[in-house]
């Protein structure tokens, strides 16, 4: 299932697979048509986590190290979940069944992190290696190709990086992935509008 945060005519959505993302985009398209609106007037961006390497084995090894480090230190994700939900999750037993969580803050993201993974305990939820989106691991070229194939299947309007952004990864995305996407005409060489929303609706 995809969970989304809506603003005006743009939606930032989370789906765990290309199939789930396509089903969500199809749902939005059907709802827009039902209400007499052009489905293209609602842009859907899907969250993603990207891990890059010079080679595919290097990228996979890096992802494994990142997952192991996250599992060994749950504090950052515990703090993130508490911040998103407005609930102090440190008061819950990590290895007890997750209780029903009710919050008025970031409900969809809280549901995704606590129950959207199928996890039974808080430790399982926090140890989930995925970002909660459609994730990619590989070289800049291989990830760019996979992203193109995925978005063509989904019918969405692009991906939004949501996790793991450091100085190193920002450089990798701008110098590596962005360049590979532009070579495939999957990313525009320049943006002409001042606002992000206006750039989305330029195409």
C-alpha atoms as a PDB file:
ATOM      1  CA  UNK A   1       0.000   0.000   0.000  1.00  0.00           C
ATOM      2  CA  UNK A   2       1.174   3.518  -0.687  1.00  0.00           C
ATOM      3  CA  UNK A   3       0.853   6.301   1.847  1.00  0.00           C
ATOM      4  CA  UNK A   4       0.936   9.902   0.678  1.00  0.00           C
ATOM      5  CA  UNK A   5       1.227  13.476   1.832  1.00  0.00           C
ATOM      6  CA  UNK A   6      -0.775  15.811  -0.393  1.00  0.00           C
ATOM      7  CA  UNK A   7      -0.115  19.448  -1.166  1.00  0.00           C
ATOM      8  CA  UNK A   8      -2.184  21.265  -3.817  1.00  0.00           C
ATOM      9  CA  UNK A   9      -1.927  19.205  -7.007  1.00  0.00           C
ATOM     10  CA  UNK A  10       1.265  17.397  -6.118  1.00  0.00           C
ATOM     11  CA  UNK A  11       1.543  14.210  -4.072  1.00  0.00           C
ATOM     12  CA  UNK A  12       4.631  12.749  -2.443  1.00  0.00           C
ATOM     13  CA  UNK A  13       3.888   9.028  -2.122  1.00  0.00           C
ATOM     14  CA  UNK A  14       5.595   6.026  -0.577  1.00  0.00           C
ATOM     15  CA  UNK A  15       5.235   2.564  -2.064  1.00  0.00           C
ATOM     16  CA  UNK A  16       7.370  -0.479  -1.342  1.00  0.00           C
ATOM     17  CA  UNK A  17       7.532  -1.741  -4.920  1.00  0.00           C
ATOM     18  CA  UNK A  18       6.974  -0.725  -8.528  1.00  0.00           C
ATOM     19  CA  UNK A  19       3.741  -2.726  -8.493  1.00  0.00           C
ATOM     20  CA  UNK A  20       2.407  -0.865  -5.449  1.00  0.00           C
ATOM     21  CA  UNK A  21       3.469   2.467  -6.924  1.00  0.00           C
ATOM     22  CA  UNK A  22       1.679   1.698 -10.206  1.00  0.00           C
ATOM     23  CA  UNK A  23      -1.487   0.715  -8.353  1.00  0.00           C
ATOM     24  CA  UNK A  24      -1.393   3.993  -6.445  1.00  0.00           C
ATOM     25  CA  UNK A  25      -0.783   6.094  -9.563  1.00  0.00           C
ATOM     26  CA  UNK A  26      -3.668   4.263 -11.282  1.00  0.00           C
ATOM     27  CA  UNK A  27      -5.890   5.032  -8.281  1.00  0.00           C
ATOM     28  CA  UNK A  28      -5.063   8.743  -8.470  1.00  0.00           C
ATOM     29  CA  UNK A  29      -5.667   8.754 -12.235  1.00  0.00           C
ATOM     30  CA  UNK A  30      -9.077   7.135 -11.782  1.00  0.00           C
ATOM     31  CA  UNK A  31     -10.068   9.580  -9.029  1.00  0.00           C
ATOM     32  CA  UNK A  32      -9.038  12.590 -11.111  1.00  0.00           C
ATOM     33  CA  UNK A  33     -11.020  11.316 -14.112  1.00  0.00           C
ATOM     34  CA  UNK A  34     -14.039  10.565 -11.904  1.00  0.00           C
ATOM     35  CA  UNK A  35     -14.135  14.201 -10.809  1.00  0.00           C
ATOM     36  CA  UNK A  36     -13.720  15.526 -14.336  1.00  0.00           C
ATOM     37  CA  UNK A  37     -10.098  16.558 -13.993  1.00  0.00           C
ATOM     38  CA  UNK A  38      -7.121  15.864 -16.222  1.00  0.00           C
ATOM     39  CA  UNK A  39      -5.023  13.186 -14.439  1.00  0.00           C
ATOM     40  CA  UNK A  40      -1.881  14.925 -15.686  1.00  0.00           C
ATOM     41  CA  UNK A  41      -2.814  17.953 -13.581  1.00  0.00           C
ATOM     42  CA  UNK A  42      -1.896  15.968 -10.460  1.00  0.00           C
ATOM     43  CA  UNK A  43       1.791  15.117 -10.205  1.00  0.00           C
ATOM     44  CA  UNK A  44       2.889  12.103  -8.152  1.00  0.00           C
ATOM     45  CA  UNK A  45       6.458  11.864  -6.882  1.00  0.00           C
ATOM     46  CA  UNK A  46       7.519   8.549  -5.318  1.00  0.00           C
ATOM     47  CA  UNK A  47       9.988   8.427  -2.442  1.00  0.00           C
ATOM     48  CA  UNK A  48      13.183   6.505  -3.015  1.00  0.00           C
ATOM     49  CA  UNK A  49      16.452   5.585  -1.362  1.00  0.00           C
ATOM     50  CA  UNK A  50      19.508   5.218  -3.607  1.00  0.00           C
ATOM     51  CA  UNK A  51      22.839   3.564  -2.799  1.00  0.00           C
ATOM     52  CA  UNK A  52      25.572   3.982  -5.414  1.00  0.00           C
ATOM     53  CA  UNK A  53      28.959   2.363  -6.051  1.00  0.00           C
ATOM     54  CA  UNK A  54      31.573   2.283  -8.780  1.00  0.00           C
ATOM     55  CA  UNK A  55      30.470  -1.297  -9.484  1.00  0.00           C
ATOM     56  CA  UNK A  56      27.321  -3.261  -8.651  1.00  0.00           C
ATOM     57  CA  UNK A  57      29.134  -5.518  -6.095  1.00  0.00           C
ATOM     58  CA  UNK A  58      30.547  -2.398  -4.426  1.00  0.00           C
ATOM     59  CA  UNK A  59      27.092  -0.817  -4.214  1.00  0.00           C
ATOM     60  CA  UNK A  60      25.573  -4.005  -2.773  1.00  0.00           C
ATOM     61  CA  UNK A  61      28.364  -4.310  -0.207  1.00  0.00           C
ATOM     62  CA  UNK A  62      27.890  -0.675   0.794  1.00  0.00           C
ATOM     63  CA  UNK A  63      24.145  -1.242   1.205  1.00  0.00           C
ATOM     64  CA  UNK A  64      24.824  -4.265   3.412  1.00  0.00           C
ATOM     65  CA  UNK A  65      27.171  -2.214   5.595  1.00  0.00           C
ATOM     66  CA  UNK A  66      24.589   0.558   5.907  1.00  0.00           C
ATOM     67  CA  UNK A  67      21.836  -1.915   6.826  1.00  0.00           C
ATOM     68  CA  UNK A  68      24.072  -3.601   9.426  1.00  0.00           C
ATOM     69  CA  UNK A  69      25.009  -0.250  10.941  1.00  0.00           C
ATOM     70  CA  UNK A  70      21.355   0.784  11.138  1.00  0.00           C
ATOM     71  CA  UNK A  71      20.420  -2.502  12.830  1.00  0.00           C
ATOM     72  CA  UNK A  72      23.246  -2.085  15.358  1.00  0.00           C
ATOM     73  CA  UNK A  73      22.227   1.472  16.241  1.00  0.00           C
ATOM     74  CA  UNK A  74      18.470   1.995  16.302  1.00  0.00           C
ATOM     75  CA  UNK A  75      18.615   5.381  18.060  1.00  0.00           C
ATOM     76  CA  UNK A  76      18.600   7.578  14.904  1.00  0.00           C
ATOM     77  CA  UNK A  77      15.528   5.857  13.446  1.00  0.00           C
ATOM     78  CA  UNK A  78      13.846   5.781  16.848  1.00  0.00           C
ATOM     79  CA  UNK A  79      14.389   9.529  17.135  1.00  0.00           C
ATOM     80  CA  UNK A  80      13.128  10.073  13.582  1.00  0.00           C
ATOM     81  CA  UNK A  81       9.967   8.080  14.225  1.00  0.00           C
ATOM     82  CA  UNK A  82       9.350   9.963  17.490  1.00  0.00           C
ATOM     83  CA  UNK A  83       9.833  13.280  15.683  1.00  0.00           C
ATOM     84  CA  UNK A  84       7.480  12.368  12.822  1.00  0.00           C
ATOM     85  CA  UNK A  85       4.718  11.025  15.060  1.00  0.00           C
ATOM     86  CA  UNK A  86       5.010  13.365  18.032  1.00  0.00           C
ATOM     87  CA  UNK A  87       5.080  10.239  20.223  1.00  0.00           C
ATOM     88  CA  UNK A  88       8.008   9.207  22.433  1.00  0.00           C
ATOM     89  CA  UNK A  89       8.704   5.736  21.028  1.00  0.00           C
ATOM     90  CA  UNK A  90      11.517   5.168  23.527  1.00  0.00           C
ATOM     91  CA  UNK A  91       8.820   4.233  26.079  1.00  0.00           C
ATOM     92  CA  UNK A  92       7.851   1.150  24.052  1.00  0.00           C
ATOM     93  CA  UNK A  93       9.492  -2.256  24.483  1.00  0.00           C
ATOM     94  CA  UNK A  94      11.560  -2.887  21.341  1.00  0.00           C
ATOM     95  CA  UNK A  95      10.711  -6.592  21.336  1.00  0.00           C
ATOM     96  CA  UNK A  96       7.036  -6.458  22.299  1.00  0.00           C
ATOM     97  CA  UNK A  97       4.203  -6.438  19.750  1.00  0.00           C
ATOM     98  CA  UNK A  98       3.596  -2.966  18.399  1.00  0.00           C
ATOM     99  CA  UNK A  99       0.516  -1.289  19.886  1.00  0.00           C
ATOM    100  CA  UNK A 100      -2.002   0.592  17.786  1.00  0.00           C
ATOM    101  CA  UNK A 101      -0.512   4.034  17.153  1.00  0.00           C
ATOM    102  CA  UNK A 102      -2.791   7.068  16.958  1.00  0.00           C
ATOM    103  CA  UNK A 103      -1.350  10.462  16.110  1.00  0.00           C
ATOM    104  CA  UNK A 104      -2.303  13.695  14.397  1.00  0.00           C
ATOM    105  CA  UNK A 105       1.267  14.259  13.173  1.00  0.00           C
ATOM    106  CA  UNK A 106       2.462  12.564   9.974  1.00  0.00           C
ATOM    107  CA  UNK A 107      -0.088   9.779  10.277  1.00  0.00           C
ATOM    108  CA  UNK A 108       0.711   8.174   6.947  1.00  0.00           C
ATOM    109  CA  UNK A 109       4.472   8.039   7.576  1.00  0.00           C
ATOM    110  CA  UNK A 110       3.934   6.753  11.099  1.00  0.00           C
ATOM    111  CA  UNK A 111       1.701   3.977   9.745  1.00  0.00           C
ATOM    112  CA  UNK A 112       4.289   3.148   7.106  1.00  0.00           C
ATOM    113  CA  UNK A 113       7.159   2.843   9.555  1.00  0.00           C
ATOM    114  CA  UNK A 114       5.217   0.969  12.237  1.00  0.00           C
ATOM    115  CA  UNK A 115       2.835  -1.269  10.282  1.00  0.00           C
ATOM    116  CA  UNK A 116       3.436  -0.713   6.568  1.00  0.00           C
ATOM    117  CA  UNK A 117       6.467  -3.004   6.596  1.00  0.00           C
ATOM    118  CA  UNK A 118       4.577  -5.941   8.077  1.00  0.00           C
ATOM    119  CA  UNK A 119       6.832  -5.751  11.141  1.00  0.00           C
ATOM    120  CA  UNK A 120       5.522  -7.246  14.391  1.00  0.00           C
ATOM    121  CA  UNK A 121       7.792  -5.481  16.885  1.00  0.00           C
ATOM    122  CA  UNK A 122       9.316  -2.005  17.079  1.00  0.00           C
ATOM    123  CA  UNK A 123      12.802  -3.489  16.673  1.00  0.00           C
ATOM    124  CA  UNK A 124      11.725  -5.177  13.432  1.00  0.00           C
ATOM    125  CA  UNK A 125      10.242  -1.929  12.155  1.00  0.00           C
ATOM    126  CA  UNK A 126      13.349   0.092  12.983  1.00  0.00           C
ATOM    127  CA  UNK A 127      15.633  -2.572  11.492  1.00  0.00           C
ATOM    128  CA  UNK A 128      13.813  -2.619   8.148  1.00  0.00           C
ATOM    129  CA  UNK A 129      16.591  -2.026   5.586  1.00  0.00           C
ATOM    130  CA  UNK A 130      14.352  -0.206   3.113  1.00  0.00           C
ATOM    131  CA  UNK A 131      13.680   3.525   3.024  1.00  0.00           C
ATOM    132  CA  UNK A 132       9.948   2.880   2.754  1.00  0.00           C
ATOM    133  CA  UNK A 133      10.017   3.704  -0.931  1.00  0.00           C
ATOM    134  CA  UNK A 134      11.056   2.117  -4.217  1.00  0.00           C
ATOM    135  CA  UNK A 135      14.794   1.718  -3.580  1.00  0.00           C
ATOM    136  CA  UNK A 136      17.704   1.335  -6.006  1.00  0.00           C
ATOM    137  CA  UNK A 137      21.214  -0.075  -5.542  1.00  0.00           C
ATOM    138  CA  UNK A 138      23.894  -0.034  -8.234  1.00  0.00           C
ATOM    139  CA  UNK A 139      26.119   2.166 -10.348  1.00  0.00           C
ATOM    140  CA  UNK A 140      24.897   5.567 -11.542  1.00  0.00           C
ATOM    141  CA  UNK A 141      24.253   4.114 -15.013  1.00  0.00           C
ATOM    142  CA  UNK A 142      22.435   0.989 -13.801  1.00  0.00           C
ATOM    143  CA  UNK A 143      20.292   2.949 -11.327  1.00  0.00           C
ATOM    144  CA  UNK A 144      19.413   5.536 -13.980  1.00  0.00           C
ATOM    145  CA  UNK A 145      18.298   2.734 -16.305  1.00  0.00           C
ATOM    146  CA  UNK A 146      16.247   1.053 -13.562  1.00  0.00           C
ATOM    147  CA  UNK A 147      14.630   4.348 -12.609  1.00  0.00           C
ATOM    148  CA  UNK A 148      13.631   4.946 -16.214  1.00  0.00           C
ATOM    149  CA  UNK A 149      12.100   1.494 -16.504  1.00  0.00           C
ATOM    150  CA  UNK A 150      10.313   1.853 -13.152  1.00  0.00           C
ATOM    151  CA  UNK A 151       8.750   5.238 -13.859  1.00  0.00           C
ATOM    152  CA  UNK A 152       7.677   4.097 -17.329  1.00  0.00           C
ATOM    153  CA  UNK A 153       5.866   1.174 -15.678  1.00  0.00           C
ATOM    154  CA  UNK A 154       4.426   3.242 -12.836  1.00  0.00           C
ATOM    155  CA  UNK A 155       3.248   6.160 -14.933  1.00  0.00           C
ATOM    156  CA  UNK A 156       4.325   8.588 -12.224  1.00  0.00           C
ATOM    157  CA  UNK A 157       6.177  11.859 -12.493  1.00  0.00           C
ATOM    158  CA  UNK A 158       9.499  11.056 -10.870  1.00  0.00           C
ATOM    159  CA  UNK A 159      11.276  10.121  -7.674  1.00  0.00           C
ATOM    160  CA  UNK A 160      12.147  12.110  -4.562  1.00  0.00           C
ATOM    161  CA  UNK A 161      15.215  11.165  -2.542  1.00  0.00           C
ATOM    162  CA  UNK A 162      14.189  10.930   1.092  1.00  0.00           C
ATOM    163  CA  UNK A 163      16.914   9.197   3.096  1.00  0.00           C
ATOM    164  CA  UNK A 164      20.643   8.822   3.459  1.00  0.00           C
ATOM    165  CA  UNK A 165      21.613  12.292   2.203  1.00  0.00           C
ATOM    166  CA  UNK A 166      25.112  13.267   3.332  1.00  0.00           C
ATOM    167  CA  UNK A 167      27.762  15.428   1.697  1.00  0.00           C
ATOM    168  CA  UNK A 168      29.079  12.309   0.000  1.00  0.00           C
ATOM    169  CA  UNK A 169      25.734  11.121  -1.304  1.00  0.00           C
ATOM    170  CA  UNK A 170      24.752  14.604  -2.494  1.00  0.00           C
ATOM    171  CA  UNK A 171      27.944  14.690  -4.574  1.00  0.00           C
ATOM    172  CA  UNK A 172      27.219  11.177  -5.864  1.00  0.00           C
ATOM    173  CA  UNK A 173      23.697  12.157  -6.865  1.00  0.00           C
ATOM    174  CA  UNK A 174      24.626  15.422  -8.564  1.00  0.00           C
ATOM    175  CA  UNK A 175      27.859  14.297 -10.233  1.00  0.00           C
ATOM    176  CA  UNK A 176      26.956  10.665 -10.881  1.00  0.00           C
ATOM    177  CA  UNK A 177      23.258   9.815 -10.958  1.00  0.00           C
ATOM    178  CA  UNK A 178      22.029  13.141 -12.339  1.00  0.00           C
ATOM    179  CA  UNK A 179      24.556  12.950 -15.179  1.00  0.00           C
ATOM    180  CA  UNK A 180      23.476   9.393 -16.017  1.00  0.00           C
ATOM    181  CA  UNK A 181      19.801  10.396 -15.973  1.00  0.00           C
ATOM    182  CA  UNK A 182      20.469  13.343 -18.285  1.00  0.00           C
ATOM    183  CA  UNK A 183      22.267  11.078 -20.772  1.00  0.00           C
ATOM    184  CA  UNK A 184      19.044   9.077 -20.984  1.00  0.00           C
ATOM    185  CA  UNK A 185      16.911  12.225 -21.243  1.00  0.00           C
ATOM    186  CA  UNK A 186      15.273  11.248 -17.938  1.00  0.00           C
ATOM    187  CA  UNK A 187      16.236  14.494 -16.242  1.00  0.00           C
ATOM    188  CA  UNK A 188      16.084  17.998 -17.612  1.00  0.00           C
ATOM    189  CA  UNK A 189      19.392  19.800 -18.169  1.00  0.00           C
ATOM    190  CA  UNK A 190      18.003  22.988 -16.577  1.00  0.00           C
ATOM    191  CA  UNK A 191      15.008  24.282 -14.629  1.00  0.00           C
ATOM    192  CA  UNK A 192      13.405  27.499 -15.794  1.00  0.00           C
ATOM    193  CA  UNK A 193      10.840  28.165 -13.066  1.00  0.00           C
ATOM    194  CA  UNK A 194      11.546  29.648  -9.641  1.00  0.00           C
ATOM    195  CA  UNK A 195       9.239  27.302  -7.723  1.00  0.00           C
ATOM    196  CA  UNK A 196       9.567  23.513  -7.554  1.00  0.00           C
ATOM    197  CA  UNK A 197       5.831  23.081  -8.214  1.00  0.00           C
ATOM    198  CA  UNK A 198       6.023  25.217 -11.357  1.00  0.00           C
ATOM    199  CA  UNK A 199       8.917  23.136 -12.652  1.00  0.00           C
ATOM    200  CA  UNK A 200       6.855  19.988 -12.085  1.00  0.00           C
ATOM    201  CA  UNK A 201       3.981  21.371 -14.134  1.00  0.00           C
ATOM    202  CA  UNK A 202       6.237  22.553 -16.950  1.00  0.00           C
ATOM    203  CA  UNK A 203       6.005  19.082 -18.504  1.00  0.00           C
END
